[in-house]
């Protein structure tokens, strides 16, 4: 699995291996998502996953972007339940695999939405998920940047320090 910075190198316009026909859609979308407050990008399930707040402090994901060309979808994001069916009527938009129950849609191609149409959908996804964050997480996100980063580091180290519970075998008494 490649690290995020290795993907950035592959996506560079000067890279001869860059086979993305819609590289600007991917790059501009990533830049836009990362410009939103307290957004974190991770590489999970071979996708760029965008979180409102760091998941170590209770952040939640609101969008996913496919970095590889030729996949069935290029971007998935949360939508309000009242807009879900309306967006599904758009050619190239379908329910997101595994996340349709949570009102997520998947966009098949970068050409389905113009950038000026896609970015408001992503902002709405961000705002929808941010509004549903637990109060504790919302308070952490309001901290000044230095204190927020310290809280994230502390939460990550606390998560690593928790030892796994030993597995015990259940035995049934002999009869």
C-alpha atoms as a PDB file:
ATOM      1  CA  UNK A   1       0.000   0.000   0.000  1.00  0.00           C
ATOM      2  CA  UNK A   2       1.334   3.406  -0.953  1.00  0.00           C
ATOM      3  CA  UNK A   3       1.571   6.272   1.481  1.00  0.00           C
ATOM      4  CA  UNK A   4      -0.318   9.475   0.777  1.00  0.00           C
ATOM      5  CA  UNK A   5       2.867  11.355  -0.160  1.00  0.00           C
ATOM      6  CA  UNK A   6       3.715   8.597  -2.687  1.00  0.00           C
ATOM      7  CA  UNK A   7       0.301   9.135  -4.292  1.00  0.00           C
ATOM      8  CA  UNK A   8       1.069  12.857  -4.453  1.00  0.00           C
ATOM      9  CA  UNK A   9       4.258  12.037  -6.386  1.00  0.00           C
ATOM     10  CA  UNK A  10       2.355   9.779  -8.787  1.00  0.00           C
ATOM     11  CA  UNK A  11      -0.200  12.519  -9.383  1.00  0.00           C
ATOM     12  CA  UNK A  12       2.371  15.215 -10.171  1.00  0.00           C
ATOM     13  CA  UNK A  13       1.811  16.606 -13.695  1.00  0.00           C
ATOM     14  CA  UNK A  14       5.519  16.130 -14.453  1.00  0.00           C
ATOM     15  CA  UNK A  15       5.326  12.389 -13.655  1.00  0.00           C
ATOM     16  CA  UNK A  16       5.312  10.368 -16.910  1.00  0.00           C
ATOM     17  CA  UNK A  17       3.473   7.520 -15.117  1.00  0.00           C
ATOM     18  CA  UNK A  18       0.474   9.780 -14.467  1.00  0.00           C
ATOM     19  CA  UNK A  19      -2.368   8.006 -16.260  1.00  0.00           C
ATOM     20  CA  UNK A  20      -5.208   9.954 -14.698  1.00  0.00           C
ATOM     21  CA  UNK A  21      -7.373  11.470 -17.387  1.00  0.00           C
ATOM     22  CA  UNK A  22      -9.086  13.645 -14.808  1.00  0.00           C
ATOM     23  CA  UNK A  23      -6.100  14.328 -12.533  1.00  0.00           C
ATOM     24  CA  UNK A  24      -7.253  17.881 -11.872  1.00  0.00           C
ATOM     25  CA  UNK A  25     -10.580  16.594 -10.544  1.00  0.00           C
ATOM     26  CA  UNK A  26      -8.801  14.395  -8.032  1.00  0.00           C
ATOM     27  CA  UNK A  27      -6.195  16.957  -7.046  1.00  0.00           C
ATOM     28  CA  UNK A  28      -8.596  19.889  -6.771  1.00  0.00           C
ATOM     29  CA  UNK A  29     -11.083  17.838  -4.790  1.00  0.00           C
ATOM     30  CA  UNK A  30      -8.363  16.736  -2.372  1.00  0.00           C
ATOM     31  CA  UNK A  31      -7.149  20.316  -1.991  1.00  0.00           C
ATOM     32  CA  UNK A  32     -10.690  21.556  -1.394  1.00  0.00           C
ATOM     33  CA  UNK A  33     -11.465  18.886   1.206  1.00  0.00           C
ATOM     34  CA  UNK A  34      -8.209  19.534   3.058  1.00  0.00           C
ATOM     35  CA  UNK A  35      -8.975  23.270   3.125  1.00  0.00           C
ATOM     36  CA  UNK A  36     -12.019  22.654   5.343  1.00  0.00           C
ATOM     37  CA  UNK A  37     -11.439  23.168   9.099  1.00  0.00           C
ATOM     38  CA  UNK A  38     -10.089  20.181  11.046  1.00  0.00           C
ATOM     39  CA  UNK A  39     -10.307  17.768   8.113  1.00  0.00           C
ATOM     40  CA  UNK A  40      -7.990  14.779   8.242  1.00  0.00           C
ATOM     41  CA  UNK A  41      -7.088  12.585   5.260  1.00  0.00           C
ATOM     42  CA  UNK A  42      -6.267   8.911   5.716  1.00  0.00           C
ATOM     43  CA  UNK A  43      -5.597   6.128   3.268  1.00  0.00           C
ATOM     44  CA  UNK A  44      -7.941   3.258   4.122  1.00  0.00           C
ATOM     45  CA  UNK A  45      -9.481   0.538   2.002  1.00  0.00           C
ATOM     46  CA  UNK A  46      -7.295   1.852  -0.881  1.00  0.00           C
ATOM     47  CA  UNK A  47      -9.285   5.104  -0.754  1.00  0.00           C
ATOM     48  CA  UNK A  48      -8.568   8.599   0.505  1.00  0.00           C
ATOM     49  CA  UNK A  49     -10.952   8.931   3.443  1.00  0.00           C
ATOM     50  CA  UNK A  50     -11.803  12.395   4.792  1.00  0.00           C
ATOM     51  CA  UNK A  51     -12.726  12.870   8.436  1.00  0.00           C
ATOM     52  CA  UNK A  52     -14.332  15.771  10.292  1.00  0.00           C
ATOM     53  CA  UNK A  53     -11.810  15.847  13.123  1.00  0.00           C
ATOM     54  CA  UNK A  54      -9.222  13.183  13.750  1.00  0.00           C
ATOM     55  CA  UNK A  55     -10.713   9.753  14.299  1.00  0.00           C
ATOM     56  CA  UNK A  56      -8.537   9.363  17.408  1.00  0.00           C
ATOM     57  CA  UNK A  57     -10.666  11.998  19.154  1.00  0.00           C
ATOM     58  CA  UNK A  58     -13.988  10.795  17.788  1.00  0.00           C
ATOM     59  CA  UNK A  59     -13.989  12.306  14.309  1.00  0.00           C
ATOM     60  CA  UNK A  60     -16.305  10.854  11.668  1.00  0.00           C
ATOM     61  CA  UNK A  61     -15.792  10.299   7.957  1.00  0.00           C
ATOM     62  CA  UNK A  62     -17.771  12.358   5.484  1.00  0.00           C
ATOM     63  CA  UNK A  63     -16.205  11.665   2.075  1.00  0.00           C
ATOM     64  CA  UNK A  64     -14.054   9.123   0.233  1.00  0.00           C
ATOM     65  CA  UNK A  65     -12.085   9.612  -2.978  1.00  0.00           C
ATOM     66  CA  UNK A  66     -10.800   6.834  -5.248  1.00  0.00           C
ATOM     67  CA  UNK A  67      -7.152   7.483  -6.176  1.00  0.00           C
ATOM     68  CA  UNK A  68      -6.981   4.829  -8.920  1.00  0.00           C
ATOM     69  CA  UNK A  69      -8.343   5.361 -12.430  1.00  0.00           C
ATOM     70  CA  UNK A  70     -10.966   3.074 -13.896  1.00  0.00           C
ATOM     71  CA  UNK A  71     -12.767   2.190 -10.686  1.00  0.00           C
ATOM     72  CA  UNK A  72     -16.564   2.089 -10.433  1.00  0.00           C
ATOM     73  CA  UNK A  73     -16.689   5.380  -8.536  1.00  0.00           C
ATOM     74  CA  UNK A  74     -14.453   8.401  -8.061  1.00  0.00           C
ATOM     75  CA  UNK A  75     -15.967  10.043  -4.995  1.00  0.00           C
ATOM     76  CA  UNK A  76     -18.513   9.103  -2.313  1.00  0.00           C
ATOM     77  CA  UNK A  77     -20.001  11.396   0.294  1.00  0.00           C
ATOM     78  CA  UNK A  78     -22.774  11.738   2.866  1.00  0.00           C
ATOM     79  CA  UNK A  79     -25.937  13.567   1.833  1.00  0.00           C
ATOM     80  CA  UNK A  80     -28.990  14.673   3.794  1.00  0.00           C
ATOM     81  CA  UNK A  81     -31.752  12.076   3.692  1.00  0.00           C
ATOM     82  CA  UNK A  82     -34.107  14.500   1.924  1.00  0.00           C
ATOM     83  CA  UNK A  83     -31.590  14.987  -0.933  1.00  0.00           C
ATOM     84  CA  UNK A  84     -30.550  11.325  -1.246  1.00  0.00           C
ATOM     85  CA  UNK A  85     -33.203  10.238  -3.767  1.00  0.00           C
ATOM     86  CA  UNK A  86     -32.962  13.519  -5.662  1.00  0.00           C
ATOM     87  CA  UNK A  87     -29.221  12.986  -6.243  1.00  0.00           C
ATOM     88  CA  UNK A  88     -29.793   9.371  -7.289  1.00  0.00           C
ATOM     89  CA  UNK A  89     -31.828  10.673 -10.231  1.00  0.00           C
ATOM     90  CA  UNK A  90     -28.628  12.241 -11.628  1.00  0.00           C
ATOM     91  CA  UNK A  91     -26.893  10.133 -14.291  1.00  0.00           C
ATOM     92  CA  UNK A  92     -23.657   8.749 -12.852  1.00  0.00           C
ATOM     93  CA  UNK A  93     -24.781   8.901  -9.211  1.00  0.00           C
ATOM     94  CA  UNK A  94     -25.750   5.752  -7.338  1.00  0.00           C
ATOM     95  CA  UNK A  95     -26.038   4.593  -3.724  1.00  0.00           C
ATOM     96  CA  UNK A  96     -22.575   4.174  -2.206  1.00  0.00           C
ATOM     97  CA  UNK A  97     -21.651   0.540  -1.565  1.00  0.00           C
ATOM     98  CA  UNK A  98     -21.955  -0.389   2.132  1.00  0.00           C
ATOM     99  CA  UNK A  99     -22.971   3.175   3.075  1.00  0.00           C
ATOM    100  CA  UNK A 100     -26.283   3.699   1.278  1.00  0.00           C
ATOM    101  CA  UNK A 101     -28.186   3.057   4.537  1.00  0.00           C
ATOM    102  CA  UNK A 102     -26.420   6.095   5.973  1.00  0.00           C
ATOM    103  CA  UNK A 103     -27.449   8.150   2.893  1.00  0.00           C
ATOM    104  CA  UNK A 104     -24.136   8.177   1.053  1.00  0.00           C
ATOM    105  CA  UNK A 105     -23.914   8.485  -2.729  1.00  0.00           C
ATOM    106  CA  UNK A 106     -21.148   7.408  -5.108  1.00  0.00           C
ATOM    107  CA  UNK A 107     -20.264   9.447  -8.173  1.00  0.00           C
ATOM    108  CA  UNK A 108     -19.113   7.351 -11.147  1.00  0.00           C
ATOM    109  CA  UNK A 109     -16.972   9.905 -12.981  1.00  0.00           C
ATOM    110  CA  UNK A 110     -15.393  13.320 -12.452  1.00  0.00           C
ATOM    111  CA  UNK A 111     -17.552  14.657 -15.297  1.00  0.00           C
ATOM    112  CA  UNK A 112     -20.866  13.978 -13.503  1.00  0.00           C
ATOM    113  CA  UNK A 113     -20.632  17.227 -11.529  1.00  0.00           C
ATOM    114  CA  UNK A 114     -18.787  20.386 -12.401  1.00  0.00           C
ATOM    115  CA  UNK A 115     -16.394  21.485  -9.689  1.00  0.00           C
ATOM    116  CA  UNK A 116     -18.745  24.333  -8.712  1.00  0.00           C
ATOM    117  CA  UNK A 117     -21.506  21.707  -8.165  1.00  0.00           C
ATOM    118  CA  UNK A 118     -19.410  19.050  -6.405  1.00  0.00           C
ATOM    119  CA  UNK A 119     -17.792  21.310  -3.812  1.00  0.00           C
ATOM    120  CA  UNK A 120     -21.110  22.462  -2.279  1.00  0.00           C
ATOM    121  CA  UNK A 121     -22.167  18.795  -1.966  1.00  0.00           C
ATOM    122  CA  UNK A 122     -18.904  18.019  -0.165  1.00  0.00           C
ATOM    123  CA  UNK A 123     -19.281  21.063   2.095  1.00  0.00           C
ATOM    124  CA  UNK A 124     -22.825  19.980   2.926  1.00  0.00           C
ATOM    125  CA  UNK A 125     -21.516  16.476   3.771  1.00  0.00           C
ATOM    126  CA  UNK A 126     -18.877  18.026   6.030  1.00  0.00           C
ATOM    127  CA  UNK A 127     -21.420  20.239   7.805  1.00  0.00           C
ATOM    128  CA  UNK A 128     -23.930  17.395   8.187  1.00  0.00           C
ATOM    129  CA  UNK A 129     -21.390  15.073   9.794  1.00  0.00           C
ATOM    130  CA  UNK A 130     -19.877  17.864  11.925  1.00  0.00           C
ATOM    131  CA  UNK A 131     -23.315  18.705  13.346  1.00  0.00           C
ATOM    132  CA  UNK A 132     -23.810  15.081  14.421  1.00  0.00           C
ATOM    133  CA  UNK A 133     -20.477  14.743  16.242  1.00  0.00           C
ATOM    134  CA  UNK A 134     -20.687  13.982  19.960  1.00  0.00           C
ATOM    135  CA  UNK A 135     -20.457  17.037  22.226  1.00  0.00           C
ATOM    136  CA  UNK A 136     -17.077  15.914  23.573  1.00  0.00           C
ATOM    137  CA  UNK A 137     -15.623  15.746  20.052  1.00  0.00           C
ATOM    138  CA  UNK A 138     -17.113  19.127  19.123  1.00  0.00           C
ATOM    139  CA  UNK A 139     -15.472  20.679  22.200  1.00  0.00           C
ATOM    140  CA  UNK A 140     -12.101  19.206  21.234  1.00  0.00           C
ATOM    141  CA  UNK A 141     -12.453  20.563  17.701  1.00  0.00           C
ATOM    142  CA  UNK A 142     -13.020  24.077  19.095  1.00  0.00           C
ATOM    143  CA  UNK A 143      -9.640  24.052  20.855  1.00  0.00           C
ATOM    144  CA  UNK A 144      -6.859  26.236  19.458  1.00  0.00           C
ATOM    145  CA  UNK A 145      -4.720  24.371  16.938  1.00  0.00           C
ATOM    146  CA  UNK A 146      -1.832  23.648  19.321  1.00  0.00           C
ATOM    147  CA  UNK A 147      -4.144  22.233  22.012  1.00  0.00           C
ATOM    148  CA  UNK A 148      -6.147  20.283  19.419  1.00  0.00           C
ATOM    149  CA  UNK A 149      -2.969  18.587  18.097  1.00  0.00           C
ATOM    150  CA  UNK A 150      -1.936  17.782  21.685  1.00  0.00           C
ATOM    151  CA  UNK A 151      -5.354  16.198  22.339  1.00  0.00           C
ATOM    152  CA  UNK A 152      -5.014  14.121  19.160  1.00  0.00           C
ATOM    153  CA  UNK A 153      -1.496  12.958  20.137  1.00  0.00           C
ATOM    154  CA  UNK A 154      -2.701  12.092  23.628  1.00  0.00           C
ATOM    155  CA  UNK A 155      -5.703  10.146  22.289  1.00  0.00           C
ATOM    156  CA  UNK A 156      -3.529   8.230  19.838  1.00  0.00           C
ATOM    157  CA  UNK A 157      -1.003   7.272  22.498  1.00  0.00           C
ATOM    158  CA  UNK A 158      -3.806   6.247  24.873  1.00  0.00           C
ATOM    159  CA  UNK A 159      -5.291   4.033  22.147  1.00  0.00           C
ATOM    160  CA  UNK A 160      -1.922   2.324  21.608  1.00  0.00           C
ATOM    161  CA  UNK A 161      -1.329   1.856  25.332  1.00  0.00           C
ATOM    162  CA  UNK A 162      -4.472  -0.181  25.890  1.00  0.00           C
ATOM    163  CA  UNK A 163      -3.407  -3.828  25.916  1.00  0.00           C
ATOM    164  CA  UNK A 164      -5.581  -6.331  24.140  1.00  0.00           C
ATOM    165  CA  UNK A 165      -7.602  -8.523  26.433  1.00  0.00           C
ATOM    166  CA  UNK A 166      -6.195 -12.030  26.624  1.00  0.00           C
ATOM    167  CA  UNK A 167      -8.226 -14.581  24.762  1.00  0.00           C
ATOM    168  CA  UNK A 168      -9.534 -17.348  26.942  1.00  0.00           C
ATOM    169  CA  UNK A 169     -10.859 -20.626  25.761  1.00  0.00           C
ATOM    170  CA  UNK A 170     -14.286 -21.560  26.887  1.00  0.00           C
ATOM    171  CA  UNK A 171     -14.456 -25.075  28.048  1.00  0.00           C
ATOM    172  CA  UNK A 172     -17.519 -27.028  28.820  1.00  0.00           C
ATOM    173  CA  UNK A 173     -17.444 -29.292  31.825  1.00  0.00           C
ATOM    174  CA  UNK A 174     -17.102 -32.960  31.039  1.00  0.00           C
ATOM    175  CA  UNK A 175     -20.198 -34.969  31.780  1.00  0.00           C
END
